[in-house]
Amino acid sequence: MTTKAKKTAKKTAKAKAKAKPAPKAAAPAPAPAKPLLRKSKPMSKSDLESIRKQLLDQRTDVIEAMRRNKAEEIGPDTGDEADQAAASMDRDLRFELSDTERNTLDQIEGALRKMDKGNYGICEQCREPIEVLRLKAVPFARYCIGCQTGSEKAVSALQA
């Protein structure tokens, strides 16, 4: 090969090296999955007042139910064994209902305290706003749907 041919071959090799495509950049990371729930719009004052009224009405209903149950308490066991067993079951049921009513009353009172402090409607776990529709359905909700669902799945997994 002549010197001229060698120089031409070198130039061609350099040109090919320059023409090689640049190494491919890493593929962009996939976009994060869209949340299943829409972001909640801020709660309006009318929504807040409507929910406060709902909570106060529920509190009144629970207190009245607790008073009715207390007034209906059954006296000492009398009668045969079947009557005593029925009376015992009634007392157990009333106790269970009053325990549920106390828990509900505690949750209602907690929601009203949060309203007074100005932090009502914030999820206790993720600190994000709870959707207004959820609060209208369950005004004493402490968690957003996502956190509530996650905790329920964890509990059911432990029970299984």
N, C-alpha and C. Protein backbone atom coordinates (compact mmCIF):
# COMPACT_ATOMS: atom_id res chain seq x y z
N MET A 1 0.84 -1.16 0.00
CA MET A 1 0.00 0.00 0.00
C MET A 1 0.89 1.23 0.00
N THR A 2 0.48 2.19 -0.75
CA THR A 2 1.27 3.42 -0.85
C THR A 2 0.97 4.32 0.33
N THR A 3 1.81 5.30 0.48
CA THR A 3 1.64 6.23 1.59
C THR A 3 0.36 7.01 1.44
N LYS A 4 0.04 7.34 0.21
CA LYS A 4 -1.20 8.08 -0.04
C LYS A 4 -2.39 7.22 0.32
N ALA A 5 -2.36 5.95 -0.04
CA ALA A 5 -3.46 5.04 0.27
C ALA A 5 -3.59 4.86 1.77
N LYS A 6 -2.44 4.80 2.48
CA LYS A 6 -2.47 4.65 3.93
C LYS A 6 -3.13 5.88 4.57
N LYS A 7 -2.78 7.08 4.07
CA LYS A 7 -3.36 8.31 4.62
C LYS A 7 -4.86 8.34 4.37
N THR A 8 -5.30 7.91 3.20
CA THR A 8 -6.72 7.89 2.86
C THR A 8 -7.45 6.89 3.76
N ALA A 9 -6.83 5.75 4.01
CA ALA A 9 -7.45 4.73 4.87
C ALA A 9 -7.60 5.26 6.30
N LYS A 10 -6.57 5.98 6.78
CA LYS A 10 -6.64 6.55 8.12
C LYS A 10 -7.76 7.58 8.21
N LYS A 11 -7.89 8.44 7.18
CA LYS A 11 -8.95 9.46 7.17
C LYS A 11 -10.31 8.79 7.16
N THR A 12 -10.46 7.73 6.37
CA THR A 12 -11.73 7.02 6.28
C THR A 12 -12.07 6.40 7.64
N ALA A 13 -11.08 5.83 8.32
CA ALA A 13 -11.30 5.20 9.62
C ALA A 13 -11.71 6.26 10.65
N LYS A 14 -11.04 7.43 10.59
CA LYS A 14 -11.41 8.51 11.50
C LYS A 14 -12.82 8.99 11.23
N ALA A 15 -13.18 9.10 9.98
CA ALA A 15 -14.53 9.56 9.61
C ALA A 15 -15.57 8.56 10.10
N LYS A 16 -15.29 7.27 9.95
CA LYS A 16 -16.22 6.24 10.43
C LYS A 16 -16.35 6.29 11.95
N ALA A 17 -15.22 6.54 12.63
CA ALA A 17 -15.25 6.61 14.09
C ALA A 17 -16.10 7.78 14.54
N LYS A 18 -15.98 8.89 13.82
CA LYS A 18 -16.79 10.06 14.16
C LYS A 18 -18.26 9.82 13.83
N ALA A 19 -18.55 9.05 12.82
CA ALA A 19 -19.92 8.82 12.38
C ALA A 19 -20.65 7.80 13.25
N LYS A 20 -19.93 7.06 14.09
CA LYS A 20 -20.60 6.08 14.95
C LYS A 20 -21.57 6.80 15.87
N PRO A 21 -22.73 6.22 16.02
CA PRO A 21 -23.71 6.87 16.90
C PRO A 21 -23.20 6.84 18.34
N ALA A 22 -23.56 7.87 19.06
CA ALA A 22 -23.16 7.96 20.47
C ALA A 22 -23.84 6.84 21.23
N PRO A 23 -23.21 6.39 22.29
CA PRO A 23 -23.86 5.31 23.07
C PRO A 23 -25.22 5.79 23.56
N LYS A 24 -26.16 4.86 23.57
CA LYS A 24 -27.53 5.20 23.97
C LYS A 24 -27.55 5.59 25.44
N ALA A 25 -28.27 6.65 25.70
CA ALA A 25 -28.43 7.09 27.08
C ALA A 25 -29.38 6.11 27.78
N ALA A 26 -29.27 6.05 29.06
CA ALA A 26 -30.15 5.16 29.82
C ALA A 26 -31.60 5.57 29.57
N ALA A 27 -32.44 4.59 29.48
CA ALA A 27 -33.86 4.87 29.26
C ALA A 27 -34.40 5.67 30.43
N PRO A 28 -35.27 6.63 30.13
CA PRO A 28 -35.81 7.43 31.24
C PRO A 28 -36.61 6.54 32.19
N ALA A 29 -36.56 6.90 33.45
CA ALA A 29 -37.29 6.12 34.46
C ALA A 29 -38.77 6.18 34.15
N PRO A 30 -39.47 5.09 34.37
CA PRO A 30 -40.91 5.13 34.11
C PRO A 30 -41.58 6.14 35.03
N ALA A 31 -42.62 6.76 34.49
CA ALA A 31 -43.35 7.75 35.28
C ALA A 31 -43.98 7.06 36.48
N PRO A 32 -44.00 7.72 37.63
CA PRO A 32 -44.62 7.09 38.80
C PRO A 32 -46.09 6.80 38.52
N ALA A 33 -46.55 5.72 39.10
CA ALA A 33 -47.94 5.34 38.90
C ALA A 33 -48.86 6.46 39.41
N LYS A 34 -49.93 6.69 38.71
CA LYS A 34 -50.87 7.70 39.14
C LYS A 34 -51.59 7.22 40.38
N PRO A 35 -51.80 8.11 41.34
CA PRO A 35 -52.52 7.67 42.54
C PRO A 35 -53.93 7.23 42.18
N LEU A 36 -54.41 6.26 42.94
CA LEU A 36 -55.75 5.76 42.68
C LEU A 36 -56.81 6.79 43.02
N LEU A 37 -56.49 7.65 43.96
CA LEU A 37 -57.46 8.65 44.39
C LEU A 37 -57.04 10.01 43.91
N ARG A 38 -58.01 10.84 43.62
CA ARG A 38 -57.69 12.20 43.23
C ARG A 38 -57.31 12.98 44.47
N LYS A 39 -56.53 14.01 44.24
CA LYS A 39 -56.20 14.89 45.35
C LYS A 39 -57.47 15.60 45.78
N SER A 40 -57.63 15.73 47.05
CA SER A 40 -58.82 16.35 47.60
C SER A 40 -58.74 17.85 47.42
N LYS A 41 -59.86 18.42 47.05
CA LYS A 41 -59.90 19.88 46.98
C LYS A 41 -60.00 20.40 48.41
N PRO A 42 -59.52 21.60 48.64
CA PRO A 42 -59.58 22.13 50.01
C PRO A 42 -61.02 22.18 50.51
N MET A 43 -61.17 21.95 51.79
CA MET A 43 -62.50 21.93 52.39
C MET A 43 -63.00 23.37 52.54
N SER A 44 -64.21 23.60 52.06
CA SER A 44 -64.79 24.94 52.19
C SER A 44 -65.36 25.12 53.59
N LYS A 45 -65.60 26.37 53.95
CA LYS A 45 -66.18 26.65 55.27
C LYS A 45 -67.57 26.05 55.39
N SER A 46 -68.33 26.05 54.28
CA SER A 46 -69.68 25.47 54.35
C SER A 46 -69.61 23.95 54.55
N ASP A 47 -68.62 23.30 53.91
CA ASP A 47 -68.43 21.85 54.13
C ASP A 47 -68.09 21.59 55.60
N LEU A 48 -67.19 22.40 56.13
CA LEU A 48 -66.76 22.22 57.52
C LEU A 48 -67.93 22.41 58.48
N GLU A 49 -68.73 23.43 58.26
CA GLU A 49 -69.89 23.68 59.13
C GLU A 49 -70.93 22.56 59.00
N SER A 50 -71.12 22.08 57.78
CA SER A 50 -72.06 20.97 57.57
C SER A 50 -71.60 19.72 58.31
N ILE A 51 -70.31 19.43 58.25
CA ILE A 51 -69.78 18.25 58.93
C ILE A 51 -69.83 18.45 60.44
N ARG A 52 -69.56 19.67 60.92
CA ARG A 52 -69.64 19.94 62.36
C ARG A 52 -71.07 19.67 62.86
N LYS A 53 -72.06 20.13 62.10
CA LYS A 53 -73.46 19.91 62.48
C LYS A 53 -73.76 18.41 62.50
N GLN A 54 -73.26 17.69 61.50
CA GLN A 54 -73.46 16.24 61.44
C GLN A 54 -72.84 15.56 62.67
N LEU A 55 -71.64 15.98 63.05
CA LEU A 55 -70.97 15.40 64.22
C LEU A 55 -71.75 15.70 65.50
N LEU A 56 -72.23 16.93 65.63
CA LEU A 56 -73.00 17.29 66.83
C LEU A 56 -74.30 16.50 66.91
N ASP A 57 -74.97 16.31 65.76
CA ASP A 57 -76.19 15.50 65.73
C ASP A 57 -75.89 14.04 66.11
N GLN A 58 -74.79 13.50 65.57
CA GLN A 58 -74.42 12.13 65.90
C GLN A 58 -74.09 12.00 67.39
N ARG A 59 -73.41 12.99 67.93
CA ARG A 59 -73.07 12.96 69.36
C ARG A 59 -74.33 12.94 70.21
N THR A 60 -75.31 13.77 69.85
CA THR A 60 -76.58 13.81 70.57
C THR A 60 -77.28 12.45 70.49
N ASP A 61 -77.30 11.85 69.30
CA ASP A 61 -77.95 10.55 69.12
C ASP A 61 -77.28 9.47 69.97
N VAL A 62 -75.96 9.46 69.99
CA VAL A 62 -75.23 8.43 70.75
C VAL A 62 -75.49 8.61 72.25
N ILE A 63 -75.46 9.85 72.73
CA ILE A 63 -75.71 10.11 74.16
C ILE A 63 -77.11 9.68 74.54
N GLU A 64 -78.09 9.98 73.69
CA GLU A 64 -79.47 9.56 73.96
C GLU A 64 -79.59 8.05 73.97
N ALA A 65 -78.93 7.37 73.05
CA ALA A 65 -78.98 5.90 73.01
C ALA A 65 -78.35 5.31 74.27
N MET A 66 -77.26 5.91 74.73
CA MET A 66 -76.61 5.43 75.95
C MET A 66 -77.54 5.62 77.16
N ARG A 67 -78.24 6.74 77.20
CA ARG A 67 -79.18 6.98 78.32
C ARG A 67 -80.33 5.99 78.28
N ARG A 68 -80.85 5.72 77.07
CA ARG A 68 -81.94 4.75 76.94
C ARG A 68 -81.50 3.37 77.42
N ASN A 69 -80.30 2.96 77.00
CA ASN A 69 -79.80 1.64 77.41
C ASN A 69 -79.62 1.56 78.92
N LYS A 70 -79.16 2.64 79.51
CA LYS A 70 -78.97 2.63 80.96
C LYS A 70 -80.32 2.55 81.67
N ALA A 71 -81.32 3.26 81.14
CA ALA A 71 -82.64 3.25 81.76
C ALA A 71 -83.32 1.88 81.62
N GLU A 72 -82.96 1.13 80.59
CA GLU A 72 -83.59 -0.17 80.34
C GLU A 72 -82.88 -1.32 81.02
N GLU A 73 -81.89 -1.02 81.86
CA GLU A 73 -81.16 -2.11 82.51
C GLU A 73 -82.13 -3.02 83.25
N ILE A 74 -81.83 -4.27 83.17
CA ILE A 74 -82.70 -5.28 83.77
C ILE A 74 -82.31 -5.46 85.23
N GLY A 75 -83.31 -5.69 86.06
CA GLY A 75 -83.10 -5.88 87.49
C GLY A 75 -82.47 -7.22 87.78
N PRO A 76 -82.56 -7.66 89.02
CA PRO A 76 -81.95 -8.93 89.42
C PRO A 76 -82.56 -10.11 88.65
N ASP A 77 -81.74 -11.14 88.52
CA ASP A 77 -82.21 -12.33 87.82
C ASP A 77 -83.35 -12.99 88.59
N THR A 78 -84.44 -13.16 87.88
CA THR A 78 -85.58 -13.87 88.46
C THR A 78 -86.09 -14.86 87.44
N GLY A 79 -86.87 -15.80 87.90
CA GLY A 79 -87.44 -16.77 86.99
C GLY A 79 -86.57 -18.00 86.89
N ASP A 80 -86.90 -18.82 85.91
CA ASP A 80 -86.17 -20.07 85.75
C ASP A 80 -84.85 -19.83 85.01
N GLU A 81 -84.14 -20.91 84.73
CA GLU A 81 -82.82 -20.81 84.11
C GLU A 81 -82.89 -20.19 82.73
N ALA A 82 -83.93 -20.46 81.97
CA ALA A 82 -84.07 -19.89 80.63
C ALA A 82 -84.23 -18.37 80.72
N ASP A 83 -85.03 -17.89 81.68
CA ASP A 83 -85.21 -16.45 81.87
C ASP A 83 -83.89 -15.80 82.29
N GLN A 84 -83.19 -16.46 83.17
CA GLN A 84 -81.91 -15.91 83.63
C GLN A 84 -80.89 -15.87 82.48
N ALA A 85 -80.89 -16.91 81.65
CA ALA A 85 -79.97 -16.93 80.50
C ALA A 85 -80.31 -15.82 79.52
N ALA A 86 -81.58 -15.61 79.26
CA ALA A 86 -82.01 -14.54 78.35
C ALA A 86 -81.64 -13.18 78.91
N ALA A 87 -81.83 -13.00 80.22
CA ALA A 87 -81.49 -11.74 80.87
C ALA A 87 -79.98 -11.50 80.80
N SER A 88 -79.21 -12.56 80.97
CA SER A 88 -77.75 -12.45 80.89
C SER A 88 -77.31 -12.05 79.48
N MET A 89 -77.94 -12.65 78.48
CA MET A 89 -77.61 -12.29 77.09
C MET A 89 -77.98 -10.84 76.81
N ASP A 90 -79.11 -10.39 77.32
CA ASP A 90 -79.51 -8.99 77.15
C ASP A 90 -78.49 -8.04 77.78
N ARG A 91 -78.04 -8.38 78.98
CA ARG A 91 -77.03 -7.53 79.65
C ARG A 91 -75.73 -7.49 78.84
N ASP A 92 -75.30 -8.66 78.35
CA ASP A 92 -74.08 -8.72 77.54
C ASP A 92 -74.20 -7.86 76.28
N LEU A 93 -75.35 -7.96 75.63
CA LEU A 93 -75.59 -7.18 74.42
C LEU A 93 -75.58 -5.68 74.73
N ARG A 94 -76.24 -5.29 75.81
CA ARG A 94 -76.26 -3.87 76.19
C ARG A 94 -74.85 -3.38 76.52
N PHE A 95 -74.08 -4.21 77.21
CA PHE A 95 -72.71 -3.83 77.54
C PHE A 95 -71.89 -3.64 76.27
N GLU A 96 -72.04 -4.58 75.34
CA GLU A 96 -71.30 -4.49 74.07
C GLU A 96 -71.72 -3.25 73.29
N LEU A 97 -73.03 -2.98 73.25
CA LEU A 97 -73.50 -1.79 72.54
C LEU A 97 -73.00 -0.52 73.22
N SER A 98 -73.01 -0.50 74.55
CA SER A 98 -72.56 0.71 75.23
C SER A 98 -71.06 0.91 75.01
N ASP A 99 -70.29 -0.16 74.90
CA ASP A 99 -68.87 -0.04 74.62
C ASP A 99 -68.66 0.55 73.23
N THR A 100 -69.41 0.07 72.24
CA THR A 100 -69.34 0.60 70.88
C THR A 100 -69.76 2.06 70.86
N GLU A 101 -70.82 2.36 71.60
CA GLU A 101 -71.29 3.75 71.66
C GLU A 101 -70.24 4.65 72.30
N ARG A 102 -69.58 4.17 73.34
CA ARG A 102 -68.52 4.97 73.97
C ARG A 102 -67.38 5.23 73.00
N ASN A 103 -66.99 4.20 72.23
CA ASN A 103 -65.93 4.37 71.24
C ASN A 103 -66.34 5.38 70.17
N THR A 104 -67.57 5.27 69.71
CA THR A 104 -68.06 6.21 68.70
C THR A 104 -68.08 7.63 69.26
N LEU A 105 -68.55 7.76 70.50
CA LEU A 105 -68.58 9.08 71.13
C LEU A 105 -67.16 9.65 71.27
N ASP A 106 -66.20 8.83 71.62
CA ASP A 106 -64.80 9.28 71.72
C ASP A 106 -64.29 9.77 70.36
N GLN A 107 -64.62 9.05 69.29
CA GLN A 107 -64.18 9.45 67.96
C GLN A 107 -64.83 10.76 67.53
N ILE A 108 -66.11 10.92 67.85
CA ILE A 108 -66.82 12.16 67.51
C ILE A 108 -66.20 13.33 68.28
N GLU A 109 -65.97 13.13 69.57
CA GLU A 109 -65.36 14.19 70.38
C GLU A 109 -63.97 14.55 69.86
N GLY A 110 -63.22 13.56 69.44
CA GLY A 110 -61.89 13.81 68.88
C GLY A 110 -61.96 14.64 67.61
N ALA A 111 -62.92 14.32 66.75
CA ALA A 111 -63.08 15.09 65.50
C ALA A 111 -63.47 16.54 65.80
N LEU A 112 -64.34 16.73 66.78
CA LEU A 112 -64.73 18.11 67.14
C LEU A 112 -63.55 18.88 67.72
N ARG A 113 -62.69 18.21 68.52
CA ARG A 113 -61.49 18.87 69.05
C ARG A 113 -60.55 19.27 67.91
N LYS A 114 -60.41 18.38 66.92
CA LYS A 114 -59.55 18.70 65.77
C LYS A 114 -60.09 19.92 65.02
N MET A 115 -61.41 20.01 64.89
CA MET A 115 -62.00 21.18 64.24
C MET A 115 -61.65 22.45 65.00
N ASP A 116 -61.75 22.37 66.33
CA ASP A 116 -61.45 23.54 67.15
C ASP A 116 -59.98 23.95 67.04
N LYS A 117 -59.09 22.96 66.90
CA LYS A 117 -57.66 23.25 66.79
C LYS A 117 -57.26 23.63 65.36
N GLY A 118 -58.14 23.36 64.38
CA GLY A 118 -57.83 23.71 62.99
C GLY A 118 -57.08 22.65 62.22
N ASN A 119 -57.02 21.42 62.73
CA ASN A 119 -56.33 20.36 61.98
C ASN A 119 -57.27 19.21 61.61
N TYR A 120 -58.55 19.52 61.47
CA TYR A 120 -59.53 18.51 61.07
C TYR A 120 -59.35 18.18 59.59
N GLY A 121 -59.52 16.92 59.25
CA GLY A 121 -59.47 16.51 57.84
C GLY A 121 -58.08 16.18 57.36
N ILE A 122 -57.12 16.03 58.27
CA ILE A 122 -55.75 15.66 57.90
C ILE A 122 -55.52 14.23 58.38
N CYS A 123 -55.04 13.39 57.47
CA CYS A 123 -54.78 11.98 57.80
C CYS A 123 -53.72 11.91 58.89
N GLU A 124 -53.96 11.11 59.92
CA GLU A 124 -53.03 10.98 61.03
C GLU A 124 -51.78 10.20 60.66
N GLN A 125 -51.81 9.48 59.54
CA GLN A 125 -50.65 8.69 59.16
C GLN A 125 -49.78 9.42 58.13
N CYS A 126 -50.36 9.81 57.00
CA CYS A 126 -49.55 10.40 55.93
C CYS A 126 -49.57 11.93 55.94
N ARG A 127 -50.41 12.52 56.79
CA ARG A 127 -50.51 13.98 56.94
C ARG A 127 -51.04 14.69 55.70
N GLU A 128 -51.68 13.95 54.79
CA GLU A 128 -52.31 14.53 53.60
C GLU A 128 -53.78 14.79 53.91
N PRO A 129 -54.42 15.70 53.16
CA PRO A 129 -55.85 15.95 53.40
C PRO A 129 -56.70 14.72 53.09
N ILE A 130 -57.70 14.50 53.91
CA ILE A 130 -58.68 13.43 53.68
C ILE A 130 -59.73 14.01 52.75
N GLU A 131 -60.19 13.20 51.79
CA GLU A 131 -61.17 13.69 50.82
C GLU A 131 -62.46 14.12 51.52
N VAL A 132 -63.03 15.20 51.02
CA VAL A 132 -64.25 15.77 51.61
C VAL A 132 -65.39 14.75 51.55
N LEU A 133 -65.49 14.01 50.46
CA LEU A 133 -66.57 13.01 50.35
C LEU A 133 -66.44 11.95 51.44
N ARG A 134 -65.22 11.56 51.76
CA ARG A 134 -65.02 10.57 52.84
C ARG A 134 -65.45 11.17 54.17
N LEU A 135 -65.08 12.42 54.42
CA LEU A 135 -65.44 13.07 55.68
C LEU A 135 -66.95 13.26 55.80
N LYS A 136 -67.62 13.48 54.67
CA LYS A 136 -69.08 13.60 54.73
C LYS A 136 -69.72 12.25 55.04
N ALA A 137 -69.10 11.17 54.57
CA ALA A 137 -69.64 9.83 54.83
C ALA A 137 -69.28 9.36 56.24
N VAL A 138 -68.03 9.60 56.66
CA VAL A 138 -67.56 9.20 57.98
C VAL A 138 -66.89 10.43 58.60
N PRO A 139 -67.67 11.31 59.22
CA PRO A 139 -67.12 12.59 59.66
C PRO A 139 -66.04 12.49 60.73
N PHE A 140 -65.92 11.36 61.40
CA PHE A 140 -64.87 11.22 62.40
C PHE A 140 -63.71 10.37 61.89
N ALA A 141 -63.59 10.26 60.55
CA ALA A 141 -62.50 9.49 59.96
C ALA A 141 -61.17 10.10 60.35
N ARG A 142 -60.22 9.24 60.72
CA ARG A 142 -58.90 9.71 61.13
C ARG A 142 -57.86 9.51 60.04
N TYR A 143 -58.17 8.66 59.05
CA TYR A 143 -57.21 8.32 58.01
C TYR A 143 -57.82 8.51 56.62
N CYS A 144 -56.96 8.81 55.64
CA CYS A 144 -57.42 8.87 54.25
C CYS A 144 -57.71 7.43 53.80
N ILE A 145 -58.35 7.31 52.65
CA ILE A 145 -58.72 5.97 52.15
C ILE A 145 -57.49 5.08 51.99
N GLY A 146 -56.42 5.61 51.42
CA GLY A 146 -55.22 4.81 51.18
C GLY A 146 -54.63 4.26 52.47
N CYS A 147 -54.49 5.10 53.47
CA CYS A 147 -53.91 4.65 54.75
C CYS A 147 -54.85 3.71 55.48
N GLN A 148 -56.15 3.98 55.44
CA GLN A 148 -57.12 3.11 56.09
C GLN A 148 -57.10 1.73 55.45
N THR A 149 -57.06 1.69 54.13
CA THR A 149 -57.03 0.41 53.41
C THR A 149 -55.76 -0.35 53.74
N GLY A 150 -54.64 0.36 53.77
CA GLY A 150 -53.36 -0.29 54.10
C GLY A 150 -53.36 -0.88 55.49
N SER A 151 -53.91 -0.16 56.46
CA SER A 151 -53.93 -0.68 57.83
C SER A 151 -54.89 -1.85 57.95
N GLU A 152 -55.99 -1.83 57.22
CA GLU A 152 -56.94 -2.94 57.27
C GLU A 152 -56.32 -4.19 56.64
N LYS A 153 -55.55 -4.02 55.55
CA LYS A 153 -54.89 -5.16 54.93
C LYS A 153 -53.85 -5.75 55.87
N ALA A 154 -53.13 -4.88 56.58
CA ALA A 154 -52.12 -5.36 57.52
C ALA A 154 -52.76 -6.15 58.65
N VAL A 155 -53.89 -5.67 59.15
CA VAL A 155 -54.59 -6.35 60.24
C VAL A 155 -55.10 -7.70 59.75
N SER A 156 -55.69 -7.74 58.55
CA SER A 156 -56.23 -9.00 58.05
C SER A 156 -55.10 -9.99 57.76
N ALA A 157 -53.94 -9.50 57.35
CA ALA A 157 -52.80 -10.39 57.12
C ALA A 157 -52.32 -11.00 58.43
N LEU A 158 -52.35 -10.21 59.50
CA LEU A 158 -51.94 -10.72 60.80
C LEU A 158 -52.94 -11.75 61.34
N GLN A 159 -54.20 -11.54 61.02
CA GLN A 159 -55.23 -12.46 61.51
C GLN A 159 -55.26 -13.76 60.73
N ALA A 160 -54.75 -13.75 59.53
CA ALA A 160 -54.79 -14.95 58.67
C ALA A 160 -53.75 -15.97 59.05
